Amino acid sequence: MKIILSKDVDKLGDAGSIVSVKSGYARNYLIPNGLAVAATEHNISVVNASIKQQSIVDAKNVQTLNLWQIS
């Protein structure tokens, strides 16, 4: 079963990663504890949009930091 990790999980991956695990592990542990969501097309697009938005914010922060260092 493919899932998207909501939080970092030791020996499995970082938040936002799409990983494949046994369905029982996903249904009985990861999803109920809020550590993952099912990797549906909708959830994947939401995560990709979130990653894109975060990279835009990071780029703006870097530009702002560079302006402060130049001054």
Protein backbone atom coordinates (compact mmCIF):
# COMPACT_ATOMS: atom_id res chain seq x y z
CA MET A 1 0.00 0.00 0.00
CA LYS A 2 1.35 3.42 -0.89
CA ILE A 3 1.07 6.15 1.73
CA ILE A 4 2.23 9.73 2.23
CA LEU A 5 3.99 10.34 5.52
CA SER A 6 2.55 13.24 7.54
CA LYS A 7 5.42 13.19 10.04
CA ASP A 8 8.96 11.83 10.07
CA VAL A 9 8.97 8.10 10.88
CA ASP A 10 12.21 6.38 11.90
CA LYS A 11 13.50 3.85 9.37
CA LEU A 12 10.65 4.70 6.98
CA GLY A 13 11.03 8.26 5.72
CA ASP A 14 10.54 11.97 6.18
CA ALA A 15 7.29 13.93 6.16
CA GLY A 16 5.93 14.30 2.63
CA SER A 17 7.60 11.14 1.36
CA ILE A 18 5.56 8.61 -0.59
CA VAL A 19 6.45 5.13 0.63
CA SER A 20 5.12 1.63 0.19
CA VAL A 21 4.29 -0.38 3.31
CA LYS A 22 2.22 -3.42 4.16
CA SER A 23 -1.46 -2.56 4.25
CA GLY A 24 -1.94 -3.77 7.82
CA TYR A 25 0.86 -1.54 9.10
CA ALA A 26 -0.68 1.45 7.33
CA ARG A 27 -4.30 0.78 8.36
CA ASN A 28 -3.62 -0.31 11.94
CA TYR A 29 -0.77 1.97 12.99
CA LEU A 30 0.36 4.74 10.66
CA ILE A 31 -2.99 6.20 9.53
CA PRO A 32 -4.85 5.99 12.90
CA ASN A 33 -1.92 7.65 14.70
CA GLY A 34 -1.81 10.51 12.21
CA LEU A 35 1.59 9.54 10.85
CA ALA A 36 0.39 8.98 7.28
CA VAL A 37 -2.46 9.31 4.79
CA ALA A 38 -3.35 7.11 1.85
CA ALA A 39 -1.56 8.07 -1.37
CA THR A 40 -4.60 8.91 -3.46
CA GLU A 41 -4.32 11.23 -6.47
CA HIS A 42 -5.94 14.04 -4.48
CA ASN A 43 -3.61 13.64 -1.48
CA ILE A 44 -0.56 13.51 -3.75
CA SER A 45 -1.59 16.73 -5.50
CA VAL A 46 -2.19 18.43 -2.13
CA VAL A 47 1.27 17.41 -0.91
CA ASN A 48 2.91 18.55 -4.17
CA ALA A 49 1.15 21.92 -3.92
CA SER A 50 2.27 22.28 -0.31
CA ILE A 51 5.87 21.48 -1.23
CA LYS A 52 5.76 23.99 -4.09
CA GLN A 53 4.32 26.69 -1.80
CA GLN A 54 6.96 25.99 0.84
CA SER A 55 9.76 26.27 -1.72
CA ILE A 56 8.41 29.68 -2.79
CA VAL A 57 8.37 30.86 0.83
CA ASP A 58 11.91 29.52 1.35
CA ALA A 59 13.15 31.35 -1.76
CA LYS A 60 11.65 34.62 -0.53
CA ASN A 61 13.26 34.12 2.88
CA VAL A 62 16.65 33.53 1.26
CA GLN A 63 16.27 36.71 -0.81
CA THR A 64 15.35 38.68 2.29
CA LEU A 65 18.30 37.26 4.19
CA ASN A 66 20.63 38.13 1.31
CA LEU A 67 19.36 41.72 1.32
CA TRP A 68 20.09 42.02 5.02
CA GLN A 69 23.62 40.66 4.54
CA ILE A 70 24.35 43.13 1.73
CA SER A 71 23.27 46.17 3.79
